[in-house]
PDB file of all heavy atoms in Angstrom:
ATOM      1  N   ARG A   1     -97.762-234.234 -54.777  1.00  0.00           N
ATOM      2  CA  ARG A   1     -96.519-233.886 -54.240  1.00  0.00           C
ATOM      3  C   ARG A   1     -95.815-233.030 -55.274  1.00  0.00           C
ATOM      4  O   ARG A   1     -96.047-232.963 -56.509  1.00  0.00           O
ATOM      5  CB  ARG A   1     -95.675-235.172 -53.967  1.00  0.00           C
ATOM      6  CG  ARG A   1     -95.287-236.037 -55.124  1.00  0.00           C
ATOM      7  CD  ARG A   1     -94.342-237.158 -54.767  1.00  0.00           C
ATOM      8  NE  ARG A   1     -94.964-238.472 -54.638  1.00  0.00           N
ATOM      9  CZ  ARG A   1     -94.241-239.548 -54.659  1.00  0.00           C
ATOM     10  NH1 ARG A   1     -92.932-239.512 -54.671  1.00  0.00           N
ATOM     11  NH2 ARG A   1     -94.833-240.706 -54.469  1.00  0.00           N
ATOM     12  N   ARG A   2     -94.746-232.342 -54.786  1.00  0.00           N
ATOM     13  CA  ARG A   2     -94.034-231.500 -55.637  1.00  0.00           C
ATOM     14  C   ARG A   2     -93.048-232.385 -56.434  1.00  0.00           C
ATOM     15  O   ARG A   2     -92.714-233.500 -56.067  1.00  0.00           O
ATOM     16  CB  ARG A   2     -93.139-230.465 -54.959  1.00  0.00           C
ATOM     17  CG  ARG A   2     -92.306-231.066 -53.791  1.00  0.00           C
ATOM     18  CD  ARG A   2     -91.808-230.001 -52.784  1.00  0.00           C
ATOM     19  NE  ARG A   2     -90.994-230.727 -51.820  1.00  0.00           N
ATOM     20  CZ  ARG A   2     -90.612-230.068 -50.593  1.00  0.00           C
ATOM     21  NH1 ARG A   2     -91.123-228.834 -50.483  1.00  0.00           N
ATOM     22  NH2 ARG A   2     -89.904-230.655 -49.778  1.00  0.00           N
ATOM     23  N   LYS A   3     -92.616-231.882 -57.565  1.00  0.00           N
ATOM     24  CA  LYS A   3     -91.831-232.733 -58.567  1.00  0.00           C
ATOM     25  C   LYS A   3     -90.351-232.297 -58.525  1.00  0.00           C
ATOM     26  O   LYS A   3     -89.542-232.985 -59.091  1.00  0.00           O
ATOM     27  CB  LYS A   3     -92.363-232.708 -59.857  1.00  0.00           C
ATOM     28  CG  LYS A   3     -93.712-233.497 -60.016  1.00  0.00           C
ATOM     29  CD  LYS A   3     -94.319-233.471 -61.476  1.00  0.00           C
ATOM     30  CE  LYS A   3     -95.353-234.401 -61.567  1.00  0.00           C
ATOM     31  NZ  LYS A   3     -96.477-234.275 -60.660  1.00  0.00           N
ATOM     32  N   GLU A   4     -90.090-231.094 -58.015  1.00  0.00           N
ATOM     33  CA  GLU A   4     -88.727-230.601 -58.235  1.00  0.00           C
ATOM     34  C   GLU A   4     -87.729-231.034 -57.176  1.00  0.00           C
ATOM     35  O   GLU A   4     -86.535-230.897 -57.285  1.00  0.00           O
ATOM     36  CB  GLU A   4     -88.795-229.018 -58.177  1.00  0.00           C
ATOM     37  CG  GLU A   4     -89.072-228.385 -56.839  1.00  0.00           C
ATOM     38  CD  GLU A   4     -90.495-228.324 -56.603  1.00  0.00           C
ATOM     39  OE1 GLU A   4     -91.323-228.852 -57.418  1.00  0.00           O
ATOM     40  OE2 GLU A   4     -90.994-227.810 -55.504  1.00  0.00           O
ATOM     41  N   LYS A   5     -88.261-231.605 -56.018  1.00  0.00           N
ATOM     42  CA  LYS A   5     -87.348-232.252 -55.038  1.00  0.00           C
ATOM     43  C   LYS A   5     -88.060-233.345 -54.233  1.00  0.00           C
ATOM     44  O   LYS A   5     -89.326-233.529 -54.447  1.00  0.00           O
ATOM     45  CB  LYS A   5     -86.841-231.021 -54.141  1.00  0.00           C
ATOM     46  CG  LYS A   5     -87.958-230.429 -53.326  1.00  0.00           C
ATOM     47  CD  LYS A   5     -87.419-229.359 -52.342  1.00  0.00           C
ATOM     48  CE  LYS A   5     -86.483-229.964 -51.315  1.00  0.00           C
ATOM     49  NZ  LYS A   5     -86.037-228.992 -50.276  1.00  0.00           N
ATOM     50  N   LEU A   6     -87.308-233.913 -53.388  1.00  0.00           N
ATOM     51  CA  LEU A   6     -87.795-235.097 -52.632  1.00  0.00           C
ATOM     52  C   LEU A   6     -89.030-234.513 -51.788  1.00  0.00           C
ATOM     53  O   LEU A   6     -88.814-233.582 -51.048  1.00  0.00           O
ATOM     54  CB  LEU A   6     -86.801-235.720 -51.746  1.00  0.00           C
ATOM     55  CG  LEU A   6     -87.168-237.018 -51.055  1.00  0.00           C
ATOM     56  CD1 LEU A   6     -87.372-238.103 -52.045  1.00  0.00           C
ATOM     57  CD2 LEU A   6     -86.163-237.403 -49.987  1.00  0.00           C
ATOM     58  N   ASP A   7     -90.150-235.204 -51.765  1.00  0.00           N
ATOM     59  CA  ASP A   7     -91.310-234.783 -51.050  1.00  0.00           C
ATOM     60  C   ASP A   7     -91.064-235.018 -49.551  1.00  0.00           C
ATOM     61  O   ASP A   7     -90.429-235.895 -49.153  1.00  0.00           O
ATOM     62  CB  ASP A   7     -92.499-235.554 -51.510  1.00  0.00           C
ATOM     63  CG  ASP A   7     -93.816-234.958 -51.010  1.00  0.00           C
ATOM     64  OD1 ASP A   7     -94.290-234.082 -51.688  1.00  0.00           O
ATOM     65  OD2 ASP A   7     -94.254-235.382 -49.982  1.00  0.00           O
ATOM     66  N   ASP A   8     -91.766-234.225 -48.797  1.00  0.00           N
ATOM     67  CA  ASP A   8     -91.620-234.256 -47.304  1.00  0.00           C
ATOM     68  C   ASP A   8     -92.131-235.577 -46.715  1.00  0.00           C
ATOM     69  O   ASP A   8     -91.709-235.899 -45.685  1.00  0.00           O
ATOM     70  CB  ASP A   8     -92.502-233.073 -46.656  1.00  0.00           C
ATOM     71  CG  ASP A   8     -91.830-231.788 -46.844  1.00  0.00           C
ATOM     72  OD1 ASP A   8     -90.582-231.733 -47.294  1.00  0.00           O
ATOM     73  OD2 ASP A   8     -92.547-230.692 -46.746  1.00  0.00           O
ATOM     74  N   LYS A   9     -92.929-236.327 -47.501  1.00  0.00           N
ATOM     75  CA  LYS A   9     -93.435-237.597 -47.049  1.00  0.00           C
ATOM     76  C   LYS A   9     -92.198-238.585 -46.825  1.00  0.00           C
ATOM     77  O   LYS A   9     -92.371-239.642 -46.121  1.00  0.00           O
ATOM     78  CB  LYS A   9     -94.408-238.166 -47.964  1.00  0.00           C
ATOM     79  CG  LYS A   9     -95.699-237.388 -48.060  1.00  0.00           C
ATOM     80  CD  LYS A   9     -96.676-238.123 -49.034  1.00  0.00           C
ATOM     81  CE  LYS A   9     -97.938-237.204 -49.360  1.00  0.00           C
ATOM     82  NZ  LYS A   9     -97.603-236.075 -50.202  1.00  0.00           N
ATOM     83  N   PHE A  10     -91.187-238.285 -47.506  1.00  0.00           N
ATOM     84  CA  PHE A  10     -89.969-239.234 -47.399  1.00  0.00           C
ATOM     85  C   PHE A  10     -88.957-238.647 -46.513  1.00  0.00           C
ATOM     86  O   PHE A  10     -87.793-239.330 -46.371  1.00  0.00           O
ATOM     87  CB  PHE A  10     -89.408-239.437 -48.877  1.00  0.00           C
ATOM     88  CG  PHE A  10     -90.309-240.030 -49.765  1.00  0.00           C
ATOM     89  CD1 PHE A  10     -91.214-239.304 -50.614  1.00  0.00           C
ATOM     90  CD2 PHE A  10     -90.341-241.414 -49.850  1.00  0.00           C
ATOM     91  CE1 PHE A  10     -92.000-239.948 -51.482  1.00  0.00           C
ATOM     92  CE2 PHE A  10     -91.291-242.144 -50.813  1.00  0.00           C
ATOM     93  CZ  PHE A  10     -92.079-241.340 -51.555  1.00  0.00           C
ATOM     94  N   ALA A  11     -89.176-237.602 -45.824  1.00  0.00           N
ATOM     95  CA  ALA A  11     -88.194-236.968 -44.969  1.00  0.00           C
ATOM     96  C   ALA A  11     -87.678-237.808 -43.865  1.00  0.00           C
ATOM     97  O   ALA A  11     -86.472-237.893 -43.516  1.00  0.00           O
ATOM     98  CB  ALA A  11     -88.704-235.665 -44.368  1.00  0.00           C
ATOM     99  N   GLY A  12     -88.580-238.518 -43.192  1.00  0.00           N
ATOM    100  CA  GLY A  12     -88.210-239.388 -42.064  1.00  0.00           C
ATOM    101  C   GLY A  12     -87.210-240.568 -42.517  1.00  0.00           C
ATOM    102  O   GLY A  12     -86.403-241.009 -41.886  1.00  0.00           O
ATOM    103  N   ILE A  13     -87.714-241.156 -43.691  1.00  0.00           N
ATOM    104  CA  ILE A  13     -86.942-242.292 -44.175  1.00  0.00           C
ATOM    105  C   ILE A  13     -85.606-241.838 -44.780  1.00  0.00           C
ATOM    106  O   ILE A  13     -84.494-242.479 -44.460  1.00  0.00           O
ATOM    107  CB  ILE A  13     -87.757-242.910 -45.283  1.00  0.00           C
ATOM    108  CG1 ILE A  13     -88.932-243.675 -44.618  1.00  0.00           C
ATOM    109  CG2 ILE A  13     -86.865-243.973 -46.045  1.00  0.00           C
ATOM    110  CD1 ILE A  13     -89.893-244.312 -45.667  1.00  0.00           C
ATOM    111  N   ALA A  14     -85.517-240.629 -45.310  1.00  0.00           N
ATOM    112  CA  ALA A  14     -84.165-240.067 -45.768  1.00  0.00           C
ATOM    113  C   ALA A  14     -83.355-239.726 -44.410  1.00  0.00           C
ATOM    114  O   ALA A  14     -82.098-239.986 -44.569  1.00  0.00           O
ATOM    115  CB  ALA A  14     -84.455-238.670 -46.414  1.00  0.00           C
ATOM    116  N   ALA A  15     -83.840-239.342 -43.436  1.00  0.00           N
ATOM    117  CA  ALA A  15     -83.124-239.141 -42.169  1.00  0.00           C
ATOM    118  C   ALA A  15     -82.628-240.463 -41.591  1.00  0.00           C
ATOM    119  O   ALA A  15     -81.402-240.566 -41.154  1.00  0.00           O
ATOM    120  CB  ALA A  15     -83.989-238.369 -41.105  1.00  0.00           C
ATOM    121  N   ASN A  16     -83.502-241.453 -41.693  1.00  0.00           N
ATOM    122  CA  ASN A  16     -83.040-242.832 -41.339  1.00  0.00           C
ATOM    123  C   ASN A  16     -81.745-243.255 -42.018  1.00  0.00           C
ATOM    124  O   ASN A  16     -80.755-243.708 -41.594  1.00  0.00           O
ATOM    125  CB  ASN A  16     -84.046-243.885 -41.597  1.00  0.00           C
ATOM    126  CG  ASN A  16     -85.193-243.837 -40.603  1.00  0.00           C
ATOM    127  OD1 ASN A  16     -85.219-243.103 -39.636  1.00  0.00           O
ATOM    128  ND2 ASN A  16     -86.107-244.728 -40.845  1.00  0.00           N
ATOM    129  N   TYR A  17     -81.929-243.133 -43.466  1.00  0.00           N
ATOM    130  CA  TYR A  17     -80.779-243.676 -44.267  1.00  0.00           C
ATOM    131  C   TYR A  17     -79.571-242.870 -44.099  1.00  0.00           C
ATOM    132  O   TYR A  17     -78.470-243.437 -44.053  1.00  0.00           O
ATOM    133  CB  TYR A  17     -81.193-243.588 -45.781  1.00  0.00           C
ATOM    134  CG  TYR A  17     -82.329-244.587 -46.209  1.00  0.00           C
ATOM    135  CD1 TYR A  17     -82.748-244.558 -47.477  1.00  0.00           C
ATOM    136  CD2 TYR A  17     -82.808-245.495 -45.300  1.00  0.00           C
ATOM    137  CE1 TYR A  17     -83.748-245.482 -47.907  1.00  0.00           C
ATOM    138  CE2 TYR A  17     -83.780-246.385 -45.683  1.00  0.00           C
ATOM    139  CZ  TYR A  17     -84.264-246.333 -47.039  1.00  0.00           C
ATOM    140  OH  TYR A  17     -85.254-247.286 -47.463  1.00  0.00           O
ATOM    141  N   ARG A  18     -79.658-241.578 -43.872  1.00  0.00           N
ATOM    142  CA  ARG A  18     -78.474-240.733 -43.672  1.00  0.00           C
ATOM    143  C   ARG A  18     -77.839-241.213 -42.377  1.00  0.00           C
ATOM    144  O   ARG A  18     -76.527-241.258 -42.290  1.00  0.00           O
ATOM    145  CB  ARG A  18     -78.855-239.316 -43.614  1.00  0.00           C
ATOM    146  CG  ARG A  18     -77.725-238.271 -43.175  1.00  0.00           C
ATOM    147  CD  ARG A  18     -78.253-236.940 -42.933  1.00  0.00           C
ATOM    148  NE  ARG A  18     -79.399-236.818 -42.053  1.00  0.00           N
ATOM    149  CZ  ARG A  18     -79.216-236.880 -40.714  1.00  0.00           C
ATOM    150  NH1 ARG A  18     -78.078-237.169 -40.175  1.00  0.00           N
ATOM    151  NH2 ARG A  18     -80.363-236.814 -39.949  1.00  0.00           N
ATOM    152  N   LEU A  19     -78.526-241.335 -41.290  1.00  0.00           N
ATOM    153  CA  LEU A  19     -78.007-241.675 -39.969  1.00  0.00           C
ATOM    154  C   LEU A  19     -77.497-243.130 -39.999  1.00  0.00           C
ATOM    155  O   LEU A  19     -76.350-243.384 -39.536  1.00  0.00           O
ATOM    156  CB  LEU A  19     -79.055-241.551 -38.972  1.00  0.00           C
ATOM    157  CG  LEU A  19     -78.567-241.676 -37.491  1.00  0.00           C
ATOM    158  CD1 LEU A  19     -77.610-240.468 -37.166  1.00  0.00           C
ATOM    159  CD2 LEU A  19     -79.763-241.631 -36.551  1.00  0.00           C
ATOM    160  N   LEU A  20     -78.207-244.070 -40.572  1.00  0.00           N
ATOM    161  CA  LEU A  20     -77.715-245.468 -40.621  1.00  0.00           C
ATOM    162  C   LEU A  20     -76.476-245.604 -41.400  1.00  0.00           C
ATOM    163  O   LEU A  20     -75.639-246.606 -41.088  1.00  0.00           O
ATOM    164  CB  LEU A  20     -78.806-246.331 -41.213  1.00  0.00           C
ATOM    165  CG  LEU A  20     -79.950-246.618 -40.330  1.00  0.00           C
ATOM    166  CD1 LEU A  20     -81.168-247.247 -41.104  1.00  0.00           C
ATOM    167  CD2 LEU A  20     -79.608-247.434 -39.134  1.00  0.00           C
ATOM    168  N   ARG A  21     -76.182-244.793 -42.394  1.00  0.00           N
ATOM    169  CA  ARG A  21     -74.940-244.958 -43.159  1.00  0.00           C
ATOM    170  C   ARG A  21     -73.747-244.694 -42.266  1.00  0.00           C
ATOM    171  O   ARG A  21     -72.660-245.180 -42.609  1.00  0.00           O
ATOM    172  CB  ARG A  21     -74.886-243.897 -44.289  1.00  0.00           C
ATOM    173  CG  ARG A  21     -75.754-244.422 -45.480  1.00  0.00           C
ATOM    174  CD  ARG A  21     -75.838-243.287 -46.514  1.00  0.00           C
ATOM    175  NE  ARG A  21     -76.306-243.834 -47.792  1.00  0.00           N
ATOM    176  CZ  ARG A  21     -75.723-244.242 -48.886  1.00  0.00           C
ATOM    177  NH1 ARG A  21     -74.390-244.187 -48.853  1.00  0.00           N
ATOM    178  NH2 ARG A  21     -76.359-244.567 -50.019  1.00  0.00           N
ATOM    179  N   GLY A  22     -73.890-244.086 -41.118  1.00  0.00           N
ATOM    180  CA  GLY A  22     -72.871-243.808 -40.184  1.00  0.00           C
ATOM    181  C   GLY A  22     -72.506-244.970 -39.253  1.00  0.00           C
ATOM    182  O   GLY A  22     -71.554-244.928 -38.414  1.00  0.00           O
ATOM    183  N   ALA A  23     -73.284-246.056 -39.389  1.00  0.00           N
ATOM    184  CA  ALA A  23     -73.088-247.202 -38.555  1.00  0.00           C
ATOM    185  C   ALA A  23     -73.582-248.525 -39.200  1.00  0.00           C
ATOM    186  O   ALA A  23     -73.916-249.470 -38.580  1.00  0.00           O
ATOM    187  CB  ALA A  23     -73.738-247.124 -37.148  1.00  0.00           C
ATOM    188  N   LEU A  24     -73.583-248.520 -40.571  1.00  0.00           N
ATOM    189  CA  LEU A  24     -74.269-249.576 -41.339  1.00  0.00           C
ATOM    190  C   LEU A  24     -73.566-250.923 -41.132  1.00  0.00           C
ATOM    191  O   LEU A  24     -74.309-251.949 -40.774  1.00  0.00           O
ATOM    192  CB  LEU A  24     -74.209-249.224 -42.856  1.00  0.00           C
ATOM    193  CG  LEU A  24     -75.315-249.960 -43.689  1.00  0.00           C
ATOM    194  CD1 LEU A  24     -76.697-249.656 -43.105  1.00  0.00           C
ATOM    195  CD2 LEU A  24     -75.213-249.438 -45.087  1.00  0.00           C
ATOM    196  N   ASN A  25     -72.263-251.026 -41.191  1.00  0.00           N
ATOM    197  CA  ASN A  25     -71.657-252.365 -40.934  1.00  0.00           C
ATOM    198  C   ASN A  25     -71.865-252.833 -39.572  1.00  0.00           C
ATOM    199  O   ASN A  25     -71.959-254.036 -39.328  1.00  0.00           O
ATOM    200  CB  ASN A  25     -70.079-252.203 -41.418  1.00  0.00           C
ATOM    201  CG  ASN A  25     -69.854-251.908 -42.799  1.00  0.00           C
ATOM    202  OD1 ASN A  25     -70.660-252.366 -43.662  1.00  0.00           O
ATOM    203  ND2 ASN A  25     -68.768-251.276 -43.105  1.00  0.00           N
ATOM    204  N   GLU A  26     -71.852-251.936 -38.567  1.00  0.00           N
ATOM    205  CA  GLU A  26     -72.034-252.385 -37.209  1.00  0.00           C
ATOM    206  C   GLU A  26     -73.434-252.879 -37.014  1.00  0.00           C
ATOM    207  O   GLU A  26     -73.609-253.918 -36.304  1.00  0.00           O
ATOM    208  CB  GLU A  26     -71.800-251.049 -36.305  1.00  0.00           C
ATOM    209  CG  GLU A  26     -70.279-250.726 -36.123  1.00  0.00           C
ATOM    210  CD  GLU A  26     -69.636-250.220 -37.514  1.00  0.00           C
ATOM    211  OE1 GLU A  26     -70.413-249.567 -38.243  1.00  0.00           O
ATOM    212  OE2 GLU A  26     -68.476-250.496 -37.698  1.00  0.00           O
ATOM    213  N   VAL A  27     -74.450-252.174 -37.584  1.00  0.00           N
ATOM    214  CA  VAL A  27     -75.745-252.708 -37.557  1.00  0.00           C
ATOM    215  C   VAL A  27     -75.962-254.123 -38.169  1.00  0.00           C
ATOM    216  O   VAL A  27     -76.524-255.068 -37.526  1.00  0.00           O
ATOM    217  CB  VAL A  27     -76.772-251.741 -38.171  1.00  0.00           C
ATOM    218  CG1 VAL A  27     -78.222-252.416 -38.254  1.00  0.00           C
ATOM    219  CG2 VAL A  27     -76.923-250.476 -37.320  1.00  0.00           C
ATOM    220  N   ILE A  28     -75.352-254.290 -39.252  1.00  0.00           N
ATOM    221  CA  ILE A  28     -75.296-255.677 -39.957  1.00  0.00           C
ATOM    222  C   ILE A  28     -74.709-256.685 -39.005  1.00  0.00           C
ATOM    223  O   ILE A  28     -75.272-257.763 -38.831  1.00  0.00           O
ATOM    224  CB  ILE A  28     -74.608-255.548 -41.323  1.00  0.00           C
ATOM    225  CG1 ILE A  28     -75.333-254.580 -42.299  1.00  0.00           C
ATOM    226  CG2 ILE A  28     -74.447-256.979 -41.871  1.00  0.00           C
ATOM    227  CD1 ILE A  28     -74.500-254.354 -43.523  1.00  0.00           C
ATOM    228  N   ALA A  29     -73.593-256.344 -38.491  1.00  0.00           N
ATOM    229  CA  ALA A  29     -72.831-257.379 -37.583  1.00  0.00           C
ATOM    230  C   ALA A  29     -73.725-257.615 -36.396  1.00  0.00           C
ATOM    231  O   ALA A  29     -73.623-258.692 -35.834  1.00  0.00           O
ATOM    232  CB  ALA A  29     -71.522-256.808 -37.145  1.00  0.00           C
ATOM    233  N   LEU A  30     -74.470-256.749 -35.879  1.00  0.00           N
ATOM    234  CA  LEU A  30     -75.271-256.904 -34.555  1.00  0.00           C
ATOM    235  C   LEU A  30     -76.569-257.612 -34.910  1.00  0.00           C
ATOM    236  O   LEU A  30     -77.134-258.250 -33.922  1.00  0.00           O
ATOM    237  CB  LEU A  30     -75.551-255.585 -33.956  1.00  0.00           C
ATOM    238  CG  LEU A  30     -74.351-254.968 -33.258  1.00  0.00           C
ATOM    239  CD1 LEU A  30     -74.581-253.407 -33.082  1.00  0.00           C
ATOM    240  CD2 LEU A  30     -74.064-255.605 -31.912  1.00  0.00           C
ATOM    241  N   GLN A  31     -77.075-257.604 -36.146  1.00  0.00           N
ATOM    242  CA  GLN A  31     -78.331-258.280 -36.443  1.00  0.00           C
ATOM    243  C   GLN A  31     -78.161-259.770 -36.053  1.00  0.00           C
ATOM    244  O   GLN A  31     -77.198-260.413 -36.545  1.00  0.00           O
ATOM    245  CB  GLN A  31     -78.816-258.065 -37.848  1.00  0.00           C
ATOM    246  CG  GLN A  31     -79.361-256.678 -38.134  1.00  0.00           C
ATOM    247  CD  GLN A  31     -79.820-256.620 -39.542  1.00  0.00           C
ATOM    248  OE1 GLN A  31     -79.132-257.003 -40.490  1.00  0.00           O
ATOM    249  NE2 GLN A  31     -80.978-255.947 -39.786  1.00  0.00           N
ATOM    250  N   GLY A  32     -79.159-260.336 -35.468  1.00  0.00           N
ATOM    251  CA  GLY A  32     -79.150-261.789 -35.276  1.00  0.00           C
ATOM    252  C   GLY A  32     -78.453-262.224 -34.085  1.00  0.00           C
ATOM    253  O   GLY A  32     -78.467-263.432 -33.722  1.00  0.00           O
ATOM    254  N   THR A  33     -77.761-261.286 -33.395  1.00  0.00           N
ATOM    255  CA  THR A  33     -76.995-261.639 -32.116  1.00  0.00           C
ATOM    256  C   THR A  33     -77.796-261.634 -30.901  1.00  0.00           C
ATOM    257  O   THR A  33     -77.409-262.119 -29.864  1.00  0.00           O
ATOM    258  CB  THR A  33     -75.791-260.810 -32.028  1.00  0.00           C
ATOM    259  OG1 THR A  33     -76.302-259.380 -31.711  1.00  0.00           O
ATOM    260  CG2 THR A  33     -74.959-260.771 -33.287  1.00  0.00           C
ATOM    261  N   GLY A  34     -78.893-260.930 -30.878  1.00  0.00           N
ATOM    262  CA  GLY A  34     -79.717-260.810 -29.727  1.00  0.00           C
ATOM    263  C   GLY A  34     -79.240-259.521 -29.042  1.00  0.00           C
ATOM    264  O   GLY A  34     -79.899-259.118 -27.881  1.00  0.00           O
ATOM    265  N   ARG A  35     -78.276-258.851 -29.421  1.00  0.00           N
ATOM    266  CA  ARG A  35     -77.706-257.623 -28.844  1.00  0.00           C
ATOM    267  C   ARG A  35     -78.243-256.365 -29.429  1.00  0.00           C
ATOM    268  O   ARG A  35     -77.808-255.247 -29.064  1.00  0.00           O
ATOM    269  CB  ARG A  35     -76.212-257.666 -28.742  1.00  0.00           C
ATOM    270  CG  ARG A  35     -75.692-258.859 -27.784  1.00  0.00           C
ATOM    271  CD  ARG A  35     -74.161-258.771 -27.659  1.00  0.00           C
ATOM    272  NE  ARG A  35     -73.467-259.114 -28.841  1.00  0.00           N
ATOM    273  CZ  ARG A  35     -72.696-258.363 -29.658  1.00  0.00           C
ATOM    274  NH1 ARG A  35     -72.508-257.142 -29.237  1.00  0.00           N
ATOM    275  NH2 ARG A  35     -72.144-258.777 -30.757  1.00  0.00           N
ATOM    276  N   LEU A  36     -79.009-256.445 -30.473  1.00  0.00           N
ATOM    277  CA  LEU A  36     -79.600-255.309 -31.171  1.00  0.00           C
ATOM    278  C   LEU A  36     -81.118-255.327 -30.982  1.00  0.00           C
ATOM    279  O   LEU A  36     -81.769-256.364 -31.337  1.00  0.00           O
ATOM    280  CB  LEU A  36     -79.225-255.322 -32.628  1.00  0.00           C
ATOM    281  CG  LEU A  36     -79.763-254.264 -33.534  1.00  0.00           C
ATOM    282  CD1 LEU A  36     -79.134-252.783 -33.138  1.00  0.00           C
ATOM    283  CD2 LEU A  36     -79.569-254.474 -34.978  1.00  0.00           C
ATOM    284  N   LYS A  37     -81.704-254.249 -30.639  1.00  0.00           N
ATOM    285  CA  LYS A  37     -83.194-254.024 -30.520  1.00  0.00           C
ATOM    286  C   LYS A  37     -83.507-252.691 -31.032  1.00  0.00           C
ATOM    287  O   LYS A  37     -82.692-251.703 -31.018  1.00  0.00           O
ATOM    288  CB  LYS A  37     -83.654-254.241 -29.056  1.00  0.00           C
ATOM    289  CG  LYS A  37     -83.278-255.694 -28.476  1.00  0.00           C
ATOM    290  CD  LYS A  37     -83.747-255.819 -27.041  1.00  0.00           C
ATOM    291  CE  LYS A  37     -83.346-257.238 -26.453  1.00  0.00           C
ATOM    292  NZ  LYS A  37     -83.767-257.431 -25.110  1.00  0.00           N
ATOM    293  N   ALA A  38     -84.826-252.640 -31.399  1.00  0.00           N
ATOM    294  CA  ALA A  38     -85.366-251.341 -31.788  1.00  0.00           C
ATOM    295  C   ALA A  38     -86.446-250.949 -30.898  1.00  0.00           C
ATOM    296  O   ALA A  38     -87.237-251.747 -30.362  1.00  0.00           O
ATOM    297  CB  ALA A  38     -85.882-251.432 -33.264  1.00  0.00           C
ATOM    298  N   VAL A  39     -86.604-249.601 -30.728  1.00  0.00           N
ATOM    299  CA  VAL A  39     -87.659-249.036 -29.925  1.00  0.00           C
ATOM    300  C   VAL A  39     -88.338-247.947 -30.783  1.00  0.00           C
ATOM    301  O   VAL A  39     -87.645-247.311 -31.500  1.00  0.00           O
ATOM    302  CB  VAL A  39     -87.280-248.358 -28.541  1.00  0.00           C
ATOM    303  CG1 VAL A  39     -86.771-249.488 -27.651  1.00  0.00           C
ATOM    304  CG2 VAL A  39     -86.213-247.274 -28.764  1.00  0.00           C
ATOM    305  N   ILE A  40     -89.610-247.858 -30.812  1.00  0.00           N
ATOM    306  CA  ILE A  40     -90.314-246.963 -31.601  1.00  0.00           C
ATOM    307  C   ILE A  40     -91.483-246.338 -30.798  1.00  0.00           C
ATOM    308  O   ILE A  40     -92.183-247.014 -29.980  1.00  0.00           O
ATOM    309  CB  ILE A  40     -90.872-247.449 -32.959  1.00  0.00           C
ATOM    310  CG1 ILE A  40     -91.883-248.565 -32.740  1.00  0.00           C
ATOM    311  CG2 ILE A  40     -89.646-247.939 -33.784  1.00  0.00           C
ATOM    312  CD1 ILE A  40     -92.605-248.948 -34.060  1.00  0.00           C
ATOM    313  N   GLU A  41     -91.713-245.089 -30.994  1.00  0.00           N
ATOM    314  CA  GLU A  41     -92.863-244.393 -30.376  1.00  0.00           C
ATOM    315  C   GLU A  41     -94.181-244.772 -31.088  1.00  0.00           C
ATOM    316  O   GLU A  41     -94.191-244.910 -32.342  1.00  0.00           O
ATOM    317  CB  GLU A  41     -92.678-242.876 -30.516  1.00  0.00           C
ATOM    318  CG  GLU A  41     -93.760-242.050 -29.902  1.00  0.00           C
ATOM    319  CD  GLU A  41     -93.498-240.592 -30.015  1.00  0.00           C
ATOM    320  OE1 GLU A  41     -92.445-240.197 -30.619  1.00  0.00           O
ATOM    321  OE2 GLU A  41     -94.323-239.769 -29.656  1.00  0.00           O
TER     322      GLU A  41
END
């Protein structure tokens, strides 16, 4: 991998973290309630 910047192998996880930061408290509050589910391809 290249050393000067974040490798592309982490691009999807970086996109997750960036997006989740916009609703992080809401996700935490919904966990365990049965009203939050994940779908994945």
